[in-house]
Amino acid sequence: MARKKAIKGLWTKSDVSLLKKLFPNNPTAKIAAKLGRPTDAVKKKASRMGLRKSRRYMKSLGRA
């Protein structure tokens, strides 16, 4: 799937949709690589959207 070159910093609807789908159960760095964005940008966007890692994912990392 070829990605269109977006204007720097703007999130497309498909980027936002993918972030919503992947964020709860995947490492942020992996999501950032898939989206072609810096990890910090993904963290900030997820935070602004109110997204959280799932309990199951956090538990798998040894955190409660």
PDB file of N, CA and C in Angstrom:
ATOM      1  N   MET A   1       0.840  -1.172   0.000  1.00  0.00           N
ATOM      2  CA  MET A   1       0.000   0.000   0.000  1.00  0.00           C
ATOM      3  C   MET A   1       0.890   1.241   0.000  1.00  0.00           C
ATOM      4  N   ALA A   2       0.843   1.997  -1.033  1.00  0.00           N
ATOM      5  CA  ALA A   2       1.656   3.205  -1.139  1.00  0.00           C
ATOM      6  C   ALA A   2       1.000   4.358  -0.385  1.00  0.00           C
ATOM      7  N   ARG A   3       1.822   5.048   0.392  1.00  0.00           N
ATOM      8  CA  ARG A   3       1.332   6.208   1.136  1.00  0.00           C
ATOM      9  C   ARG A   3       1.537   7.457   0.320  1.00  0.00           C
ATOM     10  N   LYS A   4       0.531   8.318   0.290  1.00  0.00           N
ATOM     11  CA  LYS A   4       0.701   9.616  -0.341  1.00  0.00           C
ATOM     12  C   LYS A   4       1.532  10.479   0.589  1.00  0.00           C
ATOM     13  N   LYS A   5       2.345  11.321   0.032  1.00  0.00           N
ATOM     14  CA  LYS A   5       3.156  12.223   0.839  1.00  0.00           C
ATOM     15  C   LYS A   5       2.255  13.314   1.409  1.00  0.00           C
ATOM     16  N   ALA A   6       2.066  13.297   2.717  1.00  0.00           N
ATOM     17  CA  ALA A   6       1.213  14.285   3.376  1.00  0.00           C
ATOM     18  C   ALA A   6       2.033  15.536   3.692  1.00  0.00           C
ATOM     19  N   ILE A   7       1.350  16.636   3.856  1.00  0.00           N
ATOM     20  CA  ILE A   7       2.013  17.860   4.279  1.00  0.00           C
ATOM     21  C   ILE A   7       2.560  17.612   5.674  1.00  0.00           C
ATOM     22  N   LYS A   8       3.790  18.014   5.895  1.00  0.00           N
ATOM     23  CA  LYS A   8       4.462  17.732   7.162  1.00  0.00           C
ATOM     24  C   LYS A   8       3.613  18.142   8.366  1.00  0.00           C
ATOM     25  N   GLY A   9       3.403  17.182   9.259  1.00  0.00           N
ATOM     26  CA  GLY A   9       2.683  17.455  10.486  1.00  0.00           C
ATOM     27  C   GLY A   9       1.193  17.186  10.433  1.00  0.00           C
ATOM     28  N   LEU A  10       0.611  17.140   9.241  1.00  0.00           N
ATOM     29  CA  LEU A  10      -0.826  16.901   9.151  1.00  0.00           C
ATOM     30  C   LEU A  10      -1.115  15.403   9.178  1.00  0.00           C
ATOM     31  N   TRP A  11      -2.162  15.057   9.879  1.00  0.00           N
ATOM     32  CA  TRP A  11      -2.579  13.659   9.987  1.00  0.00           C
ATOM     33  C   TRP A  11      -3.761  13.424   9.053  1.00  0.00           C
ATOM     34  N   THR A  12      -3.641  12.424   8.197  1.00  0.00           N
ATOM     35  CA  THR A  12      -4.750  12.077   7.307  1.00  0.00           C
ATOM     36  C   THR A  12      -5.772  11.257   8.093  1.00  0.00           C
ATOM     37  N   LYS A  13      -6.963  11.146   7.537  1.00  0.00           N
ATOM     38  CA  LYS A  13      -7.998  10.338   8.194  1.00  0.00           C
ATOM     39  C   LYS A  13      -7.544   8.887   8.323  1.00  0.00           C
ATOM     40  N   SER A  14      -6.848   8.384   7.315  1.00  0.00           N
ATOM     41  CA  SER A  14      -6.390   6.993   7.378  1.00  0.00           C
ATOM     42  C   SER A  14      -5.299   6.828   8.436  1.00  0.00           C
ATOM     43  N   ASP A  15      -4.433   7.837   8.631  1.00  0.00           N
ATOM     44  CA  ASP A  15      -3.417   7.788   9.687  1.00  0.00           C
ATOM     45  C   ASP A  15      -4.084   7.734  11.060  1.00  0.00           C
ATOM     46  N   VAL A  16      -5.074   8.586  11.253  1.00  0.00           N
ATOM     47  CA  VAL A  16      -5.784   8.642  12.534  1.00  0.00           C
ATOM     48  C   VAL A  16      -6.512   7.324  12.794  1.00  0.00           C
ATOM     49  N   SER A  17      -7.135   6.787  11.775  1.00  0.00           N
ATOM     50  CA  SER A  17      -7.852   5.523  11.890  1.00  0.00           C
ATOM     51  C   SER A  17      -6.895   4.394  12.268  1.00  0.00           C
ATOM     52  N   LEU A  18      -5.749   4.350  11.620  1.00  0.00           N
ATOM     53  CA  LEU A  18      -4.758   3.316  11.913  1.00  0.00           C
ATOM     54  C   LEU A  18      -4.210   3.477  13.327  1.00  0.00           C
ATOM     55  N   LEU A  19      -3.993   4.708  13.739  1.00  0.00           N
ATOM     56  CA  LEU A  19      -3.514   4.967  15.101  1.00  0.00           C
ATOM     57  C   LEU A  19      -4.521   4.456  16.131  1.00  0.00           C
ATOM     58  N   LYS A  20      -5.800   4.759  15.933  1.00  0.00           N
ATOM     59  CA  LYS A  20      -6.846   4.295  16.846  1.00  0.00           C
ATOM     60  C   LYS A  20      -6.856   2.777  16.946  1.00  0.00           C
ATOM     61  N   LYS A  21      -6.680   2.127  15.807  1.00  0.00           N
ATOM     62  CA  LYS A  21      -6.730   0.665  15.751  1.00  0.00           C
ATOM     63  C   LYS A  21      -5.505   0.021  16.424  1.00  0.00           C
ATOM     64  N   LEU A  22      -4.327   0.564  16.159  1.00  0.00           N
ATOM     65  CA  LEU A  22      -3.097  -0.075  16.604  1.00  0.00           C
ATOM     66  C   LEU A  22      -2.614   0.329  17.993  1.00  0.00           C
ATOM     67  N   PHE A  23      -2.913   1.537  18.429  1.00  0.00           N
ATOM     68  CA  PHE A  23      -2.302   2.070  19.648  1.00  0.00           C
ATOM     69  C   PHE A  23      -2.514   1.234  20.907  1.00  0.00           C
ATOM     70  N   PRO A  24      -3.705   0.734  21.187  1.00  0.00           N
ATOM     71  CA  PRO A  24      -3.897   0.037  22.461  1.00  0.00           C
ATOM     72  C   PRO A  24      -3.050  -1.221  22.667  1.00  0.00           C
ATOM     73  N   ASN A  25      -2.691  -1.925  21.604  1.00  0.00           N
ATOM     74  CA  ASN A  25      -2.045  -3.225  21.772  1.00  0.00           C
ATOM     75  C   ASN A  25      -0.709  -3.391  21.066  1.00  0.00           C
ATOM     76  N   ASN A  26      -0.075  -2.289  20.661  1.00  0.00           N
ATOM     77  CA  ASN A  26       1.196  -2.367  19.954  1.00  0.00           C
ATOM     78  C   ASN A  26       2.190  -1.355  20.502  1.00  0.00           C
ATOM     79  N   PRO A  27       3.487  -1.660  20.387  1.00  0.00           N
ATOM     80  CA  PRO A  27       4.508  -0.696  20.826  1.00  0.00           C
ATOM     81  C   PRO A  27       4.421   0.591  20.003  1.00  0.00           C
ATOM     82  N   THR A  28       4.570   1.709  20.665  1.00  0.00           N
ATOM     83  CA  THR A  28       4.465   3.004  19.999  1.00  0.00           C
ATOM     84  C   THR A  28       5.512   3.146  18.895  1.00  0.00           C
ATOM     85  N   ALA A  29       6.707   2.644  19.113  1.00  0.00           N
ATOM     86  CA  ALA A  29       7.768   2.741  18.108  1.00  0.00           C
ATOM     87  C   ALA A  29       7.391   1.988  16.829  1.00  0.00           C
ATOM     88  N   LYS A  30       6.735   0.847  16.994  1.00  0.00           N
ATOM     89  CA  LYS A  30       6.305   0.058  15.831  1.00  0.00           C
ATOM     90  C   LYS A  30       5.235   0.818  15.040  1.00  0.00           C
ATOM     91  N   ILE A  31       4.313   1.454  15.746  1.00  0.00           N
ATOM     92  CA  ILE A  31       3.258   2.241  15.101  1.00  0.00           C
ATOM     93  C   ILE A  31       3.880   3.427  14.363  1.00  0.00           C
ATOM     94  N   ALA A  32       4.835   4.088  15.011  1.00  0.00           N
ATOM     95  CA  ALA A  32       5.498   5.240  14.400  1.00  0.00           C
ATOM     96  C   ALA A  32       6.197   4.834  13.103  1.00  0.00           C
ATOM     97  N   ALA A  33       6.862   3.697  13.125  1.00  0.00           N
ATOM     98  CA  ALA A  33       7.549   3.220  11.921  1.00  0.00           C
ATOM     99  C   ALA A  33       6.554   2.936  10.803  1.00  0.00           C
ATOM    100  N   LYS A  34       5.433   2.322  11.160  1.00  0.00           N
ATOM    101  CA  LYS A  34       4.412   1.998  10.160  1.00  0.00           C
ATOM    102  C   LYS A  34       3.815   3.264   9.544  1.00  0.00           C
ATOM    103  N   LEU A  35       3.655   4.304  10.364  1.00  0.00           N
ATOM    104  CA  LEU A  35       3.087   5.563   9.889  1.00  0.00           C
ATOM    105  C   LEU A  35       4.139   6.488   9.266  1.00  0.00           C
ATOM    106  N   GLY A  36       5.409   6.152   9.447  1.00  0.00           N
ATOM    107  CA  GLY A  36       6.471   7.008   8.925  1.00  0.00           C
ATOM    108  C   GLY A  36       6.575   8.330   9.659  1.00  0.00           C
ATOM    109  N   ARG A  37       6.362   8.271  10.970  1.00  0.00           N
ATOM    110  CA  ARG A  37       6.391   9.481  11.802  1.00  0.00           C
ATOM    111  C   ARG A  37       7.293   9.261  13.004  1.00  0.00           C
ATOM    112  N   PRO A  38       7.789  10.339  13.600  1.00  0.00           N
ATOM    113  CA  PRO A  38       8.597  10.186  14.823  1.00  0.00           C
ATOM    114  C   PRO A  38       7.752   9.619  15.973  1.00  0.00           C
ATOM    115  N   THR A  39       8.389   8.855  16.832  1.00  0.00           N
ATOM    116  CA  THR A  39       7.699   8.261  17.977  1.00  0.00           C
ATOM    117  C   THR A  39       7.028   9.330  18.838  1.00  0.00           C
ATOM    118  N   ASP A  40       7.723  10.429  19.066  1.00  0.00           N
ATOM    119  CA  ASP A  40       7.152  11.499  19.894  1.00  0.00           C
ATOM    120  C   ASP A  40       5.885  12.082  19.284  1.00  0.00           C
ATOM    121  N   ALA A  41       5.821  12.180  17.955  1.00  0.00           N
ATOM    122  CA  ALA A  41       4.626  12.703  17.289  1.00  0.00           C
ATOM    123  C   ALA A  41       3.447  11.765  17.494  1.00  0.00           C
ATOM    124  N   VAL A  42       3.716  10.465  17.451  1.00  0.00           N
ATOM    125  CA  VAL A  42       2.656   9.470  17.656  1.00  0.00           C
ATOM    126  C   VAL A  42       2.166   9.520  19.101  1.00  0.00           C
ATOM    127  N   LYS A  43       3.097   9.621  20.048  1.00  0.00           N
ATOM    128  CA  LYS A  43       2.719   9.724  21.469  1.00  0.00           C
ATOM    129  C   LYS A  43       1.843  10.950  21.711  1.00  0.00           C
ATOM    130  N   LYS A  44       2.251  12.081  21.146  1.00  0.00           N
ATOM    131  CA  LYS A  44       1.527  13.328  21.356  1.00  0.00           C
ATOM    132  C   LYS A  44       0.122  13.263  20.748  1.00  0.00           C
ATOM    133  N   LYS A  45       0.029  12.726  19.529  1.00  0.00           N
ATOM    134  CA  LYS A  45      -1.275  12.623  18.865  1.00  0.00           C
ATOM    135  C   LYS A  45      -2.191  11.687  19.643  1.00  0.00           C
ATOM    136  N   ALA A  46      -1.666  10.553  20.074  1.00  0.00           N
ATOM    137  CA  ALA A  46      -2.466   9.594  20.842  1.00  0.00           C
ATOM    138  C   ALA A  46      -2.960  10.226  22.143  1.00  0.00           C
ATOM    139  N   SER A  47      -2.099  10.974  22.791  1.00  0.00           N
ATOM    140  CA  SER A  47      -2.473  11.642  24.037  1.00  0.00           C
ATOM    141  C   SER A  47      -3.583  12.659  23.791  1.00  0.00           C
ATOM    142  N   ARG A  48      -3.440  13.445  22.744  1.00  0.00           N
ATOM    143  CA  ARG A  48      -4.460  14.445  22.421  1.00  0.00           C
ATOM    144  C   ARG A  48      -5.799  13.816  22.065  1.00  0.00           C
ATOM    145  N   MET A  49      -5.732  12.592  21.505  1.00  0.00           N
ATOM    146  CA  MET A  49      -6.959  11.870  21.146  1.00  0.00           C
ATOM    147  C   MET A  49      -7.532  11.100  22.338  1.00  0.00           C
ATOM    148  N   GLY A  50      -6.791  11.064  23.445  1.00  0.00           N
ATOM    149  CA  GLY A  50      -7.263  10.341  24.625  1.00  0.00           C
ATOM    150  C   GLY A  50      -7.066   8.828  24.530  1.00  0.00           C
ATOM    151  N   LEU A  51      -6.164   8.395  23.665  1.00  0.00           N
ATOM    152  CA  LEU A  51      -5.923   6.959  23.515  1.00  0.00           C
ATOM    153  C   LEU A  51      -5.021   6.466  24.637  1.00  0.00           C
ATOM    154  N   ARG A  52      -5.261   5.245  25.079  1.00  0.00           N
ATOM    155  CA  ARG A  52      -4.481   4.633  26.151  1.00  0.00           C
ATOM    156  C   ARG A  52      -4.081   3.225  25.725  1.00  0.00           C
ATOM    157  N   LYS A  53      -2.995   2.738  26.285  1.00  0.00           N
ATOM    158  CA  LYS A  53      -2.602   1.351  26.064  1.00  0.00           C
ATOM    159  C   LYS A  53      -3.574   0.467  26.844  1.00  0.00           C
ATOM    160  N   SER A  54      -3.877  -0.712  26.295  1.00  0.00           N
ATOM    161  CA  SER A  54      -4.815  -1.611  26.960  1.00  0.00           C
ATOM    162  C   SER A  54      -4.174  -2.225  28.207  1.00  0.00           C
ATOM    163  N   ARG A  55      -5.014  -2.653  29.140  1.00  0.00           N
ATOM    164  CA  ARG A  55      -4.520  -3.304  30.358  1.00  0.00           C
ATOM    165  C   ARG A  55      -3.729  -4.556  30.012  1.00  0.00           C
ATOM    166  N   ARG A  56      -4.230  -5.309  29.045  1.00  0.00           N
ATOM    167  CA  ARG A  56      -3.560  -6.549  28.642  1.00  0.00           C
ATOM    168  C   ARG A  56      -2.155  -6.251  28.118  1.00  0.00           C
ATOM    169  N   TYR A  57      -2.036  -5.218  27.302  1.00  0.00           N
ATOM    170  CA  TYR A  57      -0.727  -4.847  26.755  1.00  0.00           C
ATOM    171  C   TYR A  57       0.211  -4.407  27.880  1.00  0.00           C
ATOM    172  N   MET A  58      -0.273  -3.558  28.770  1.00  0.00           N
ATOM    173  CA  MET A  58       0.557  -3.086  29.876  1.00  0.00           C
ATOM    174  C   MET A  58       0.997  -4.233  30.775  1.00  0.00           C
ATOM    175  N   LYS A  59       0.102  -5.178  30.994  1.00  0.00           N
ATOM    176  CA  LYS A  59       0.427  -6.341  31.818  1.00  0.00           C
ATOM    177  C   LYS A  59       1.500  -7.187  31.136  1.00  0.00           C
ATOM    178  N   SER A  60       1.452  -7.279  29.808  1.00  0.00           N
ATOM    179  CA  SER A  60       2.455  -8.054  29.077  1.00  0.00           C
ATOM    180  C   SER A  60       3.840  -7.427  29.200  1.00  0.00           C
ATOM    181  N   LEU A  61       3.880  -6.129  29.498  1.00  0.00           N
ATOM    182  CA  LEU A  61       5.164  -5.444  29.704  1.00  0.00           C
ATOM    183  C   LEU A  61       5.616  -5.537  31.154  1.00  0.00           C
ATOM    184  N   GLY A  62       4.775  -6.132  32.003  1.00  0.00           N
ATOM    185  CA  GLY A  62       5.109  -6.249  33.422  1.00  0.00           C
ATOM    186  C   GLY A  62       4.663  -5.045  34.218  1.00  0.00           C
ATOM    187  N   ARG A  63       3.749  -4.272  33.647  1.00  0.00           N
ATOM    188  CA  ARG A  63       3.205  -3.112  34.346  1.00  0.00           C
ATOM    189  C   ARG A  63       1.711  -3.328  34.584  1.00  0.00           C
ATOM    190  N   ALA A  64       1.225  -2.797  35.665  1.00  0.00           N
ATOM    191  CA  ALA A  64      -0.202  -2.956  35.973  1.00  0.00           C
ATOM    192  C   ALA A  64      -0.915  -1.680  35.811  1.00  0.00           C
TER     193      ALA A  64
END
